[in-house]
Amino acid sequence: MTQSPENRQASYQIENTKFEVLYADITSFPADAIVSSDDNYLSMGGGVSAHILSKAGDGLREEVKKHLPMKIGDVAVTSAGLLNAKFIFHGITIDLDNYVFANEDVVKSIVEKSLKLAETLGLKKISFPALGTGVAKFPFQLAAKTITETISTYLANGSGIDSVTLCLYARESVKASDIDLFYEQSVGLMSIFAQNNRLDLLLSEMKELVDRIGRPDLMLDIKHLQDKLKQANQSITKQMSDESTTPLAGEAHATTLKNLQEELKHYTDKEVAQYEDKQLEGKLLRTKLSGLYTTLNIKQAQLNNYQIEEAKYGGIMVPPRLTMAIADLKLEMDTLENQIRDTRIQQAGLGG
């Protein structure tokens, strides 16, 4: 069955946080904090801010006045009124006094400040709209790149936030086709960052293991992969074009990493058997878990591409090979998720 736009979603694991993009009304999606986009007078008069006000209640108008004056790029924190959330983070994307609208730096600043505020307040779930793409006139493709890149980079450094969600919703002047473009761009970029961040972590953990067991030949392989990964990260921005972004060749990395893991496992298993080194065994399990997450993220990227292709048929005459490919991929992902669960159980048995 073809995914209708309102049912399309994609999620990736970046360190300890789930990063998700989906079609949803941000006011009805469960979160501790909801991010809004507004002008420097917090007028809440159009776009996502007006929609949030309509659901949060007029009492919010009086509360936002306490934060004036505001500057573009600032973030104000208020209660969530009648919404099922704790806070609203009001990001300023328009300066009405100087007729200045959102750009990359402004959107990046709002995203970073919002994530830091969420951590400071001990929040676990935060939702973002397509910041600045409505009244503030920020281009959809550039918004997808800026928001996705900023969130992914922030989460790659480790975060206490459990989930970050991009909620996409067409309303008023925002066309459904623009939202579809944002979704496809964001999902493509998210898969790239998720894969590369996970690969980078995995390589670092492998490097520690290689140091421990004394294998300089493997160290050269790891350094080669790290160099290739660095080049891939540097090329992400250059990959942006007028067409939808597609994931980089993460599968080639994953295949090489899998071979390295198998060889490492052989030596580390001998070490564990000989010395009963629980610390080393725990490190091996963490490396294995990182590898499983890497593979799962790559499979998720494949699934996203298949589902985007499937959606183009509108539910009519979807090629059987595509339907079968999606079904097979979902089975593979179920198997990986079971392996991840089993590995976590093993970790718990070691006390971490």
C-alpha atoms as a PDB file:
ATOM      1  CA  MET A   1       0.000   0.000   0.000  1.00  0.00           C
ATOM      2  CA  THR A   2       1.291   3.458  -0.921  1.00  0.00           C
ATOM      3  CA  GLN A   3       2.034   5.882   1.877  1.00  0.00           C
ATOM      4  CA  SER A   4      -0.171   8.940   1.684  1.00  0.00           C
ATOM      5  CA  PRO A   5       1.703  12.182   2.446  1.00  0.00           C
ATOM      6  CA  GLU A   6       0.143  12.513   5.889  1.00  0.00           C
ATOM      7  CA  ASN A   7       1.493   9.063   6.823  1.00  0.00           C
ATOM      8  CA  ARG A   8       5.039   9.557   5.563  1.00  0.00           C
ATOM      9  CA  GLN A   9       7.738   9.710   8.180  1.00  0.00           C
ATOM     10  CA  ALA A  10      11.390   8.886   8.622  1.00  0.00           C
ATOM     11  CA  SER A  11      13.502   8.527  11.730  1.00  0.00           C
ATOM     12  CA  TYR A  12      17.185   8.053  12.477  1.00  0.00           C
ATOM     13  CA  GLN A  13      19.164   7.434  15.620  1.00  0.00           C
ATOM     14  CA  ILE A  14      21.906  10.028  16.217  1.00  0.00           C
ATOM     15  CA  GLU A  15      23.808   9.135  19.373  1.00  0.00           C
ATOM     16  CA  ASN A  16      21.131   8.812  22.101  1.00  0.00           C
ATOM     17  CA  THR A  17      18.451  10.818  20.290  1.00  0.00           C
ATOM     18  CA  LYS A  18      15.823   9.883  17.726  1.00  0.00           C
ATOM     19  CA  PHE A  19      15.587  12.487  14.949  1.00  0.00           C
ATOM     20  CA  GLU A  20      12.311  12.252  13.040  1.00  0.00           C
ATOM     21  CA  VAL A  21      10.689  14.032  10.093  1.00  0.00           C
ATOM     22  CA  LEU A  22       6.973  13.568   9.528  1.00  0.00           C
ATOM     23  CA  TYR A  23       3.771  15.122   8.259  1.00  0.00           C
ATOM     24  CA  ALA A  24       1.888  16.343  11.328  1.00  0.00           C
ATOM     25  CA  ASP A  25       0.180  19.336  12.908  1.00  0.00           C
ATOM     26  CA  ILE A  26       2.768  20.542  15.415  1.00  0.00           C
ATOM     27  CA  THR A  27       0.023  21.599  17.855  1.00  0.00           C
ATOM     28  CA  SER A  28      -1.315  18.053  18.128  1.00  0.00           C
ATOM     29  CA  PHE A  29       1.992  16.169  18.126  1.00  0.00           C
ATOM     30  CA  PRO A  30       3.113  15.249  21.691  1.00  0.00           C
ATOM     31  CA  ALA A  31       6.197  17.184  22.830  1.00  0.00           C
ATOM     32  CA  ASP A  32       7.591  18.940  25.889  1.00  0.00           C
ATOM     33  CA  ALA A  33       8.487  22.002  23.821  1.00  0.00           C
ATOM     34  CA  ILE A  34       7.027  23.331  20.575  1.00  0.00           C
ATOM     35  CA  VAL A  35       9.100  25.763  18.524  1.00  0.00           C
ATOM     36  CA  SER A  36       7.279  28.615  16.786  1.00  0.00           C
ATOM     37  CA  SER A  37       8.342  31.180  14.173  1.00  0.00           C
ATOM     38  CA  ASP A  38       7.370  34.830  14.720  1.00  0.00           C
ATOM     39  CA  ASP A  39       8.276  38.490  14.227  1.00  0.00           C
ATOM     40  CA  ASN A  40      10.193  40.670  16.697  1.00  0.00           C
ATOM     41  CA  TYR A  41       6.917  41.934  18.231  1.00  0.00           C
ATOM     42  CA  LEU A  42       5.690  38.383  18.877  1.00  0.00           C
ATOM     43  CA  SER A  43       2.431  39.319  17.203  1.00  0.00           C
ATOM     44  CA  MET A  44       1.556  35.674  16.402  1.00  0.00           C
ATOM     45  CA  GLY A  45      -0.386  37.023  13.461  1.00  0.00           C
ATOM     46  CA  GLY A  46       0.404  34.596  10.668  1.00  0.00           C
ATOM     47  CA  GLY A  47       1.768  31.212   9.664  1.00  0.00           C
ATOM     48  CA  VAL A  48       2.685  28.659  12.297  1.00  0.00           C
ATOM     49  CA  SER A  49       2.597  31.213  15.151  1.00  0.00           C
ATOM     50  CA  ALA A  50      -1.031  32.145  14.393  1.00  0.00           C
ATOM     51  CA  HIS A  51      -1.928  28.464  14.218  1.00  0.00           C
ATOM     52  CA  ILE A  52      -0.257  27.819  17.575  1.00  0.00           C
ATOM     53  CA  LEU A  53      -2.068  30.804  19.133  1.00  0.00           C
ATOM     54  CA  SER A  54      -5.425  29.514  17.884  1.00  0.00           C
ATOM     55  CA  LYS A  55      -4.858  26.248  19.759  1.00  0.00           C
ATOM     56  CA  ALA A  56      -3.001  27.590  22.816  1.00  0.00           C
ATOM     57  CA  GLY A  57      -5.574  30.275  23.652  1.00  0.00           C
ATOM     58  CA  ASP A  58      -5.592  34.078  23.768  1.00  0.00           C
ATOM     59  CA  GLY A  59      -4.002  34.109  27.222  1.00  0.00           C
ATOM     60  CA  LEU A  60      -0.704  33.542  25.455  1.00  0.00           C
ATOM     61  CA  ARG A  61      -0.837  37.064  23.996  1.00  0.00           C
ATOM     62  CA  GLU A  62      -0.357  38.663  27.404  1.00  0.00           C
ATOM     63  CA  GLU A  63       2.456  36.301  28.317  1.00  0.00           C
ATOM     64  CA  VAL A  64       4.539  37.018  25.216  1.00  0.00           C
ATOM     65  CA  LYS A  65       4.408  40.772  25.873  1.00  0.00           C
ATOM     66  CA  LYS A  66       6.707  40.262  28.875  1.00  0.00           C
ATOM     67  CA  HIS A  67       9.527  39.301  26.509  1.00  0.00           C
ATOM     68  CA  LEU A  68       9.483  42.414  24.334  1.00  0.00           C
ATOM     69  CA  PRO A  69      11.576  43.847  22.783  1.00  0.00           C
ATOM     70  CA  MET A  70      13.027  40.947  20.782  1.00  0.00           C
ATOM     71  CA  LYS A  71      15.699  40.725  18.092  1.00  0.00           C
ATOM     72  CA  ILE A  72      15.832  38.522  15.022  1.00  0.00           C
ATOM     73  CA  GLY A  73      17.450  35.180  15.922  1.00  0.00           C
ATOM     74  CA  ASP A  74      16.308  35.414  19.564  1.00  0.00           C
ATOM     75  CA  VAL A  75      14.168  32.780  21.280  1.00  0.00           C
ATOM     76  CA  ALA A  76      11.545  33.568  23.942  1.00  0.00           C
ATOM     77  CA  VAL A  77      10.141  30.889  26.263  1.00  0.00           C
ATOM     78  CA  THR A  78       6.506  30.878  27.399  1.00  0.00           C
ATOM     79  CA  SER A  79       4.037  28.369  28.744  1.00  0.00           C
ATOM     80  CA  ALA A  80       2.119  26.325  26.188  1.00  0.00           C
ATOM     81  CA  GLY A  81      -1.326  27.575  27.174  1.00  0.00           C
ATOM     82  CA  LEU A  82      -3.989  25.002  26.315  1.00  0.00           C
ATOM     83  CA  LEU A  83      -1.620  22.850  24.263  1.00  0.00           C
ATOM     84  CA  ASN A  84      -0.484  19.430  25.413  1.00  0.00           C
ATOM     85  CA  ALA A  85       3.076  20.652  25.979  1.00  0.00           C
ATOM     86  CA  LYS A  86       5.098  22.380  28.682  1.00  0.00           C
ATOM     87  CA  PHE A  87       6.623  25.262  26.750  1.00  0.00           C
ATOM     88  CA  ILE A  88       6.549  27.186  23.500  1.00  0.00           C
ATOM     89  CA  PHE A  89       9.882  28.457  22.181  1.00  0.00           C
ATOM     90  CA  HIS A  90       9.204  31.541  20.040  1.00  0.00           C
ATOM     91  CA  GLY A  91      11.993  31.952  17.447  1.00  0.00           C
ATOM     92  CA  ILE A  92      12.230  35.401  15.850  1.00  0.00           C
ATOM     93  CA  THR A  93      12.533  35.031  12.072  1.00  0.00           C
ATOM     94  CA  ILE A  94      11.283  38.507  11.021  1.00  0.00           C
ATOM     95  CA  ASP A  95      12.460  41.998  12.000  1.00  0.00           C
ATOM     96  CA  LEU A  96       9.516  44.259  11.160  1.00  0.00           C
ATOM     97  CA  ASP A  97      11.397  47.441  12.081  1.00  0.00           C
ATOM     98  CA  ASN A  98      14.180  46.913   9.556  1.00  0.00           C
ATOM     99  CA  TYR A  99      12.268  44.652   7.170  1.00  0.00           C
ATOM    100  CA  VAL A 100      14.800  41.830   7.626  1.00  0.00           C
ATOM    101  CA  PHE A 101      13.802  38.205   7.081  1.00  0.00           C
ATOM    102  CA  ALA A 102      15.281  34.866   8.101  1.00  0.00           C
ATOM    103  CA  ASN A 103      18.521  33.617   6.560  1.00  0.00           C
ATOM    104  CA  GLU A 104      20.736  30.606   7.279  1.00  0.00           C
ATOM    105  CA  ASP A 105      22.443  32.201  10.288  1.00  0.00           C
ATOM    106  CA  VAL A 106      19.130  33.238  11.844  1.00  0.00           C
ATOM    107  CA  VAL A 107      17.536  29.811  11.457  1.00  0.00           C
ATOM    108  CA  LYS A 108      20.672  28.047  12.703  1.00  0.00           C
ATOM    109  CA  SER A 109      20.767  30.325  15.761  1.00  0.00           C
ATOM    110  CA  ILE A 110      17.125  29.612  16.607  1.00  0.00           C
ATOM    111  CA  VAL A 111      17.556  25.849  16.258  1.00  0.00           C
ATOM    112  CA  GLU A 112      20.709  25.774  18.412  1.00  0.00           C
ATOM    113  CA  LYS A 113      19.212  28.018  21.095  1.00  0.00           C
ATOM    114  CA  SER A 114      16.041  25.934  21.199  1.00  0.00           C
ATOM    115  CA  LEU A 115      17.962  22.675  21.629  1.00  0.00           C
ATOM    116  CA  LYS A 116      20.130  24.190  24.375  1.00  0.00           C
ATOM    117  CA  LEU A 117      17.045  25.554  26.141  1.00  0.00           C
ATOM    118  CA  ALA A 118      15.409  22.131  25.988  1.00  0.00           C
ATOM    119  CA  GLU A 119      18.435  20.560  27.659  1.00  0.00           C
ATOM    120  CA  THR A 120      18.695  23.324  30.269  1.00  0.00           C
ATOM    121  CA  LEU A 121      15.034  22.817  31.176  1.00  0.00           C
ATOM    122  CA  GLY A 122      15.465  19.043  31.316  1.00  0.00           C
ATOM    123  CA  LEU A 123      13.032  18.414  28.456  1.00  0.00           C
ATOM    124  CA  LYS A 124      12.999  15.130  26.553  1.00  0.00           C
ATOM    125  CA  LYS A 125      10.929  15.897  23.441  1.00  0.00           C
ATOM    126  CA  ILE A 126      11.022  18.955  21.195  1.00  0.00           C
ATOM    127  CA  SER A 127       9.212  19.640  17.913  1.00  0.00           C
ATOM    128  CA  PHE A 128      10.198  22.092  15.169  1.00  0.00           C
ATOM    129  CA  PRO A 129       8.174  23.411  12.225  1.00  0.00           C
ATOM    130  CA  ALA A 130       9.741  24.271   8.861  1.00  0.00           C
ATOM    131  CA  LEU A 131      11.150  27.435  10.455  1.00  0.00           C
ATOM    132  CA  GLY A 132      10.934  30.649   8.466  1.00  0.00           C
ATOM    133  CA  THR A 133       9.438  29.112   5.327  1.00  0.00           C
ATOM    134  CA  GLY A 134       6.059  30.836   5.524  1.00  0.00           C
ATOM    135  CA  VAL A 135       5.695  34.556   6.129  1.00  0.00           C
ATOM    136  CA  ALA A 136       9.472  34.912   6.635  1.00  0.00           C
ATOM    137  CA  LYS A 137      10.048  33.717   3.035  1.00  0.00           C
ATOM    138  CA  PHE A 138      13.025  31.448   3.768  1.00  0.00           C
ATOM    139  CA  PRO A 139      13.450  29.046   0.778  1.00  0.00           C
ATOM    140  CA  PHE A 140      12.268  25.510   1.487  1.00  0.00           C
ATOM    141  CA  GLN A 141      15.368  23.706   0.214  1.00  0.00           C
ATOM    142  CA  LEU A 142      17.688  25.962   2.173  1.00  0.00           C
ATOM    143  CA  ALA A 143      15.505  25.602   5.261  1.00  0.00           C
ATOM    144  CA  ALA A 144      15.651  21.808   4.998  1.00  0.00           C
ATOM    145  CA  LYS A 145      19.449  21.903   4.723  1.00  0.00           C
ATOM    146  CA  THR A 146      19.965  24.423   7.536  1.00  0.00           C
ATOM    147  CA  ILE A 147      17.555  22.899  10.048  1.00  0.00           C
ATOM    148  CA  THR A 148      18.577  19.299   9.391  1.00  0.00           C
ATOM    149  CA  GLU A 149      22.301  20.040   9.428  1.00  0.00           C
ATOM    150  CA  THR A 150      22.080  22.073  12.653  1.00  0.00           C
ATOM    151  CA  ILE A 151      20.027  19.468  14.504  1.00  0.00           C
ATOM    152  CA  SER A 152      22.196  16.566  13.303  1.00  0.00           C
ATOM    153  CA  THR A 153      25.451  18.315  14.247  1.00  0.00           C
ATOM    154  CA  TYR A 154      24.106  19.218  17.683  1.00  0.00           C
ATOM    155  CA  LEU A 155      22.904  15.683  18.412  1.00  0.00           C
ATOM    156  CA  ALA A 156      26.171  14.137  17.190  1.00  0.00           C
ATOM    157  CA  ASN A 157      27.917  15.671  20.204  1.00  0.00           C
ATOM    158  CA  GLY A 158      25.588  13.848  22.583  1.00  0.00           C
ATOM    159  CA  SER A 159      22.383  15.181  24.076  1.00  0.00           C
ATOM    160  CA  GLY A 160      20.000  14.556  26.951  1.00  0.00           C
ATOM    161  CA  ILE A 161      17.049  14.989  24.599  1.00  0.00           C
ATOM    162  CA  ASP A 162      15.262  11.747  23.700  1.00  0.00           C
ATOM    163  CA  SER A 163      13.586  12.868  20.483  1.00  0.00           C
ATOM    164  CA  VAL A 164      13.644  15.788  18.058  1.00  0.00           C
ATOM    165  CA  THR A 165      10.852  16.013  15.497  1.00  0.00           C
ATOM    166  CA  LEU A 166      10.351  18.120  12.387  1.00  0.00           C
ATOM    167  CA  CYS A 167       6.591  18.514  11.880  1.00  0.00           C
ATOM    168  CA  LEU A 168       5.574  19.443   8.332  1.00  0.00           C
ATOM    169  CA  TYR A 169       2.104  20.823   7.672  1.00  0.00           C
ATOM    170  CA  ALA A 170       0.714  22.704   4.675  1.00  0.00           C
ATOM    171  CA  ARG A 171      -1.457  25.718   5.505  1.00  0.00           C
ATOM    172  CA  GLU A 172      -2.395  29.103   4.084  1.00  0.00           C
ATOM    173  CA  SER A 173       0.368  30.238   1.706  1.00  0.00           C
ATOM    174  CA  VAL A 174       2.426  27.062   2.177  1.00  0.00           C
ATOM    175  CA  LYS A 175       1.749  24.641  -0.666  1.00  0.00           C
ATOM    176  CA  ALA A 176       1.722  20.880  -0.244  1.00  0.00           C
ATOM    177  CA  SER A 177       4.349  20.599  -2.999  1.00  0.00           C
ATOM    178  CA  ASP A 178       6.707  22.835  -0.988  1.00  0.00           C
ATOM    179  CA  ILE A 179       6.203  20.667   2.073  1.00  0.00           C
ATOM    180  CA  ASP A 180       6.932  17.564  -0.025  1.00  0.00           C
ATOM    181  CA  LEU A 181      10.155  19.185  -1.249  1.00  0.00           C
ATOM    182  CA  PHE A 182      11.185  20.018   2.325  1.00  0.00           C
ATOM    183  CA  TYR A 183      10.448  16.444   3.414  1.00  0.00           C
ATOM    184  CA  GLU A 184      12.501  14.832   0.662  1.00  0.00           C
ATOM    185  CA  GLN A 185      15.432  17.220   1.130  1.00  0.00           C
ATOM    186  CA  SER A 186      15.418  16.866   4.900  1.00  0.00           C
ATOM    187  CA  VAL A 187      15.132  13.078   4.879  1.00  0.00           C
ATOM    188  CA  GLY A 188      17.949  12.786   2.356  1.00  0.00           C
ATOM    189  CA  LEU A 189      20.239  14.993   4.407  1.00  0.00           C
ATOM    190  CA  MET A 190      19.235  13.382   7.683  1.00  0.00           C
ATOM    191  CA  SER A 191      20.222   9.975   6.345  1.00  0.00           C
ATOM    192  CA  ILE A 192      23.636  11.332   5.333  1.00  0.00           C
ATOM    193  CA  PHE A 193      24.341  12.899   8.711  1.00  0.00           C
ATOM    194  CA  ALA A 194      22.988   9.932  10.656  1.00  0.00           C
ATOM    195  CA  GLN A 195      25.101   7.475   8.676  1.00  0.00           C
ATOM    196  CA  ASN A 196      28.281   9.510   8.864  1.00  0.00           C
ATOM    197  CA  ASN A 197      27.919  10.389  12.540  1.00  0.00           C
ATOM    198  CA  ARG A 198      27.326   6.759  13.418  1.00  0.00           C
ATOM    199  CA  LEU A 199      30.205   5.617  11.204  1.00  0.00           C
ATOM    200  CA  ASP A 200      32.518   8.144  12.825  1.00  0.00           C
ATOM    201  CA  LEU A 201      31.607   6.886  16.294  1.00  0.00           C
ATOM    202  CA  LEU A 202      32.041   3.290  15.197  1.00  0.00           C
ATOM    203  CA  LEU A 203      35.485   3.966  13.734  1.00  0.00           C
ATOM    204  CA  SER A 204      36.600   5.681  16.938  1.00  0.00           C
ATOM    205  CA  GLU A 205      35.498   2.690  18.998  1.00  0.00           C
ATOM    206  CA  MET A 206      37.229   0.304  16.607  1.00  0.00           C
ATOM    207  CA  LYS A 207      40.400   2.350  16.899  1.00  0.00           C
ATOM    208  CA  GLU A 208      40.369   1.883  20.671  1.00  0.00           C
ATOM    209  CA  LEU A 209      39.949  -1.865  20.254  1.00  0.00           C
ATOM    210  CA  VAL A 210      42.766  -2.087  17.722  1.00  0.00           C
ATOM    211  CA  ASP A 211      45.070  -0.189  20.085  1.00  0.00           C
ATOM    212  CA  ARG A 212      44.165  -2.677  22.787  1.00  0.00           C
ATOM    213  CA  ILE A 213      44.867  -5.840  20.781  1.00  0.00           C
ATOM    214  CA  GLY A 214      47.898  -4.484  18.910  1.00  0.00           C
ATOM    215  CA  ARG A 215      46.975  -4.668  15.226  1.00  0.00           C
ATOM    216  CA  PRO A 216      48.775  -1.867  13.296  1.00  0.00           C
ATOM    217  CA  ASP A 217      47.587  -3.336   9.961  1.00  0.00           C
ATOM    218  CA  LEU A 218      43.970  -2.805  10.974  1.00  0.00           C
ATOM    219  CA  MET A 219      44.816   0.676  12.207  1.00  0.00           C
ATOM    220  CA  LEU A 220      45.796   1.657   8.653  1.00  0.00           C
ATOM    221  CA  ASP A 221      42.422   0.435   7.373  1.00  0.00           C
ATOM    222  CA  ILE A 222      40.600   2.439  10.009  1.00  0.00           C
ATOM    223  CA  LYS A 223      42.577   5.592   9.238  1.00  0.00           C
ATOM    224  CA  HIS A 224      41.750   5.168   5.554  1.00  0.00           C
ATOM    225  CA  LEU A 225      38.050   4.918   6.387  1.00  0.00           C
ATOM    226  CA  GLN A 226      38.241   7.952   8.666  1.00  0.00           C
ATOM    227  CA  ASP A 227      39.800   9.981   5.850  1.00  0.00           C
ATOM    228  CA  LYS A 228      37.070   8.884   3.434  1.00  0.00           C
ATOM    229  CA  LEU A 229      34.399   9.734   5.975  1.00  0.00           C
ATOM    230  CA  LYS A 230      35.887  13.189   6.498  1.00  0.00           C
ATOM    231  CA  GLN A 231      35.791  13.793   2.745  1.00  0.00           C
ATOM    232  CA  ALA A 232      32.172  12.619   2.641  1.00  0.00           C
ATOM    233  CA  ASN A 233      31.188  15.027   5.405  1.00  0.00           C
ATOM    234  CA  GLN A 234      32.907  17.913   3.625  1.00  0.00           C
ATOM    235  CA  SER A 235      31.028  17.133   0.422  1.00  0.00           C
ATOM    236  CA  ILE A 236      27.552  17.172   1.982  1.00  0.00           C
ATOM    237  CA  THR A 237      27.016  20.859   1.304  1.00  0.00           C
ATOM    238  CA  LYS A 238      28.224  20.438  -2.283  1.00  0.00           C
ATOM    239  CA  GLN A 239      25.673  17.655  -2.775  1.00  0.00           C
ATOM    240  CA  MET A 240      22.835  20.174  -2.447  1.00  0.00           C
ATOM    241  CA  SER A 241      21.206  20.917  -5.796  1.00  0.00           C
ATOM    242  CA  ASP A 242      17.809  21.707  -7.264  1.00  0.00           C
ATOM    243  CA  GLU A 243      16.993  18.015  -7.188  1.00  0.00           C
ATOM    244  CA  SER A 244      16.224  15.889  -4.164  1.00  0.00           C
ATOM    245  CA  THR A 245      19.256  14.976  -2.080  1.00  0.00           C
ATOM    246  CA  THR A 246      20.059  11.272  -1.982  1.00  0.00           C
ATOM    247  CA  PRO A 247      22.162   9.459   0.639  1.00  0.00           C
ATOM    248  CA  LEU A 248      25.868   9.123  -0.013  1.00  0.00           C
ATOM    249  CA  ALA A 249      27.319   5.687  -0.605  1.00  0.00           C
ATOM    250  CA  GLY A 250      27.111   4.614   3.021  1.00  0.00           C
ATOM    251  CA  GLU A 251      26.732   0.966   2.096  1.00  0.00           C
ATOM    252  CA  ALA A 252      30.321   0.799   0.825  1.00  0.00           C
ATOM    253  CA  HIS A 253      31.499   2.117   4.201  1.00  0.00           C
ATOM    254  CA  ALA A 254      29.221  -0.330   5.994  1.00  0.00           C
ATOM    255  CA  THR A 255      30.544  -3.346   4.057  1.00  0.00           C
ATOM    256  CA  THR A 256      34.155  -2.463   4.853  1.00  0.00           C
ATOM    257  CA  LEU A 257      33.261  -1.822   8.472  1.00  0.00           C
ATOM    258  CA  LYS A 258      31.490  -5.161   8.690  1.00  0.00           C
ATOM    259  CA  ASN A 259      34.643  -6.931   7.481  1.00  0.00           C
ATOM    260  CA  LEU A 260      36.716  -5.014  10.003  1.00  0.00           C
ATOM    261  CA  GLN A 261      34.271  -5.884  12.758  1.00  0.00           C
ATOM    262  CA  GLU A 262      34.462  -9.588  11.936  1.00  0.00           C
ATOM    263  CA  GLU A 263      38.252  -9.541  12.117  1.00  0.00           C
ATOM    264  CA  LEU A 264      38.202  -7.525  15.314  1.00  0.00           C
ATOM    265  CA  LYS A 265      35.682  -9.901  16.837  1.00  0.00           C
ATOM    266  CA  HIS A 266      37.997 -12.849  16.180  1.00  0.00           C
ATOM    267  CA  TYR A 267      40.841 -11.218  18.109  1.00  0.00           C
ATOM    268  CA  THR A 268      38.763  -9.682  20.850  1.00  0.00           C
ATOM    269  CA  ASP A 269      36.956 -12.977  21.453  1.00  0.00           C
ATOM    270  CA  LYS A 270      40.356 -14.626  22.003  1.00  0.00           C
ATOM    271  CA  GLU A 271      41.292 -11.834  24.394  1.00  0.00           C
ATOM    272  CA  VAL A 272      38.067 -12.241  26.338  1.00  0.00           C
ATOM    273  CA  ALA A 273      38.407 -16.011  26.506  1.00  0.00           C
ATOM    274  CA  GLN A 274      41.990 -15.778  27.712  1.00  0.00           C
ATOM    275  CA  TYR A 275      41.728 -12.938  30.187  1.00  0.00           C
ATOM    276  CA  GLU A 276      37.989 -12.817  30.941  1.00  0.00           C
ATOM    277  CA  ASP A 277      38.257  -9.076  30.475  1.00  0.00           C
ATOM    278  CA  LYS A 278      34.715  -7.823  31.049  1.00  0.00           C
ATOM    279  CA  GLN A 279      35.700  -4.276  30.228  1.00  0.00           C
ATOM    280  CA  LEU A 280      36.948  -5.360  26.812  1.00  0.00           C
ATOM    281  CA  GLU A 281      33.844  -7.460  26.269  1.00  0.00           C
ATOM    282  CA  GLY A 282      31.683  -4.446  27.084  1.00  0.00           C
ATOM    283  CA  LYS A 283      33.618  -2.333  24.591  1.00  0.00           C
ATOM    284  CA  LEU A 284      33.126  -5.020  21.951  1.00  0.00           C
ATOM    285  CA  LEU A 285      29.382  -5.022  22.570  1.00  0.00           C
ATOM    286  CA  ARG A 286      29.268  -1.233  22.247  1.00  0.00           C
ATOM    287  CA  THR A 287      31.140  -1.485  18.953  1.00  0.00           C
ATOM    288  CA  LYS A 288      28.753  -4.170  17.750  1.00  0.00           C
ATOM    289  CA  LEU A 289      25.776  -2.013  18.745  1.00  0.00           C
ATOM    290  CA  SER A 290      27.183   0.963  16.845  1.00  0.00           C
ATOM    291  CA  GLY A 291      27.600  -1.224  13.786  1.00  0.00           C
ATOM    292  CA  LEU A 292      24.008  -2.429  14.021  1.00  0.00           C
ATOM    293  CA  TYR A 293      22.741   1.145  14.333  1.00  0.00           C
ATOM    294  CA  THR A 294      24.840   2.135  11.324  1.00  0.00           C
ATOM    295  CA  THR A 295      23.316  -0.622   9.219  1.00  0.00           C
ATOM    296  CA  LEU A 296      19.802   0.202  10.443  1.00  0.00           C
ATOM    297  CA  ASN A 297      20.238   3.867   9.509  1.00  0.00           C
ATOM    298  CA  ILE A 298      21.421   2.873   6.031  1.00  0.00           C
ATOM    299  CA  LYS A 299      18.435   0.557   5.597  1.00  0.00           C
ATOM    300  CA  GLN A 300      16.138   3.377   6.740  1.00  0.00           C
ATOM    301  CA  ALA A 301      17.650   5.623   4.065  1.00  0.00           C
ATOM    302  CA  GLN A 302      16.950   2.950   1.441  1.00  0.00           C
ATOM    303  CA  LEU A 303      13.381   2.602   2.677  1.00  0.00           C
ATOM    304  CA  ASN A 304      12.834   6.361   2.501  1.00  0.00           C
ATOM    305  CA  ASN A 305      13.972   6.411  -1.127  1.00  0.00           C
ATOM    306  CA  TYR A 306      11.714   3.477  -2.012  1.00  0.00           C
ATOM    307  CA  GLN A 307       8.723   5.103  -0.315  1.00  0.00           C
ATOM    308  CA  ILE A 308       9.353   8.416  -2.079  1.00  0.00           C
ATOM    309  CA  GLU A 309       9.403   6.513  -5.381  1.00  0.00           C
ATOM    310  CA  GLU A 310       6.280   4.571  -4.370  1.00  0.00           C
ATOM    311  CA  ALA A 311       4.381   7.776  -3.545  1.00  0.00           C
ATOM    312  CA  LYS A 312       4.855   9.015  -7.116  1.00  0.00           C
ATOM    313  CA  TYR A 313       2.480   6.308  -8.354  1.00  0.00           C
ATOM    314  CA  GLY A 314      -0.361   7.626  -6.183  1.00  0.00           C
ATOM    315  CA  GLY A 315      -1.408   4.106  -5.225  1.00  0.00           C
ATOM    316  CA  ILE A 316      -2.023   3.088  -8.847  1.00  0.00           C
ATOM    317  CA  MET A 317       0.006   0.407 -10.670  1.00  0.00           C
ATOM    318  CA  VAL A 318       2.892   0.370  -8.205  1.00  0.00           C
ATOM    319  CA  PRO A 319       5.535  -1.953  -9.720  1.00  0.00           C
ATOM    320  CA  PRO A 320       5.571  -5.339  -7.918  1.00  0.00           C
ATOM    321  CA  ARG A 321       9.375  -5.217  -7.668  1.00  0.00           C
ATOM    322  CA  LEU A 322       9.068  -1.982  -5.655  1.00  0.00           C
ATOM    323  CA  THR A 323       6.395  -3.430  -3.362  1.00  0.00           C
ATOM    324  CA  MET A 324       8.527  -6.526  -2.787  1.00  0.00           C
ATOM    325  CA  ALA A 325      11.679  -4.469  -2.192  1.00  0.00           C
ATOM    326  CA  ILE A 326       9.902  -2.431   0.497  1.00  0.00           C
ATOM    327  CA  ALA A 327       8.532  -5.572   2.173  1.00  0.00           C
ATOM    328  CA  ASP A 328      11.960  -7.269   2.142  1.00  0.00           C
ATOM    329  CA  LEU A 329      13.652  -4.175   3.518  1.00  0.00           C
ATOM    330  CA  LYS A 330      11.172  -3.934   6.387  1.00  0.00           C
ATOM    331  CA  LEU A 331      11.892  -7.564   7.289  1.00  0.00           C
ATOM    332  CA  GLU A 332      15.624  -6.844   7.291  1.00  0.00           C
ATOM    333  CA  MET A 333      15.053  -3.839   9.541  1.00  0.00           C
ATOM    334  CA  ASP A 334      12.957  -5.943  11.935  1.00  0.00           C
ATOM    335  CA  THR A 335      15.833  -8.427  12.166  1.00  0.00           C
ATOM    336  CA  LEU A 336      18.313  -5.628  12.882  1.00  0.00           C
ATOM    337  CA  GLU A 337      16.064  -4.197  15.587  1.00  0.00           C
ATOM    338  CA  ASN A 338      15.889  -7.641  17.224  1.00  0.00           C
ATOM    339  CA  GLN A 339      19.689  -7.884  17.114  1.00  0.00           C
ATOM    340  CA  ILE A 340      19.957  -4.438  18.690  1.00  0.00           C
ATOM    341  CA  ARG A 341      17.579  -5.493  21.457  1.00  0.00           C
ATOM    342  CA  ASP A 342      19.542  -8.716  22.111  1.00  0.00           C
ATOM    343  CA  THR A 343      22.837  -6.802  22.215  1.00  0.00           C
ATOM    344  CA  ARG A 344      21.390  -4.352  24.721  1.00  0.00           C
ATOM    345  CA  ILE A 345      20.304  -7.287  26.882  1.00  0.00           C
ATOM    346  CA  GLN A 346      23.883  -8.599  26.741  1.00  0.00           C
ATOM    347  CA  GLN A 347      25.151  -5.161  27.762  1.00  0.00           C
ATOM    348  CA  ALA A 348      22.777  -5.107  30.708  1.00  0.00           C
ATOM    349  CA  GLY A 349      24.097  -8.508  31.766  1.00  0.00           C
ATOM    350  CA  LEU A 350      27.600  -7.032  31.932  1.00  0.00           C
ATOM    351  CA  GLY A 351      26.373  -4.116  33.984  1.00  0.00           C
ATOM    352  CA  GLY A 352      26.588  -1.548  31.124  1.00  0.00           C
END
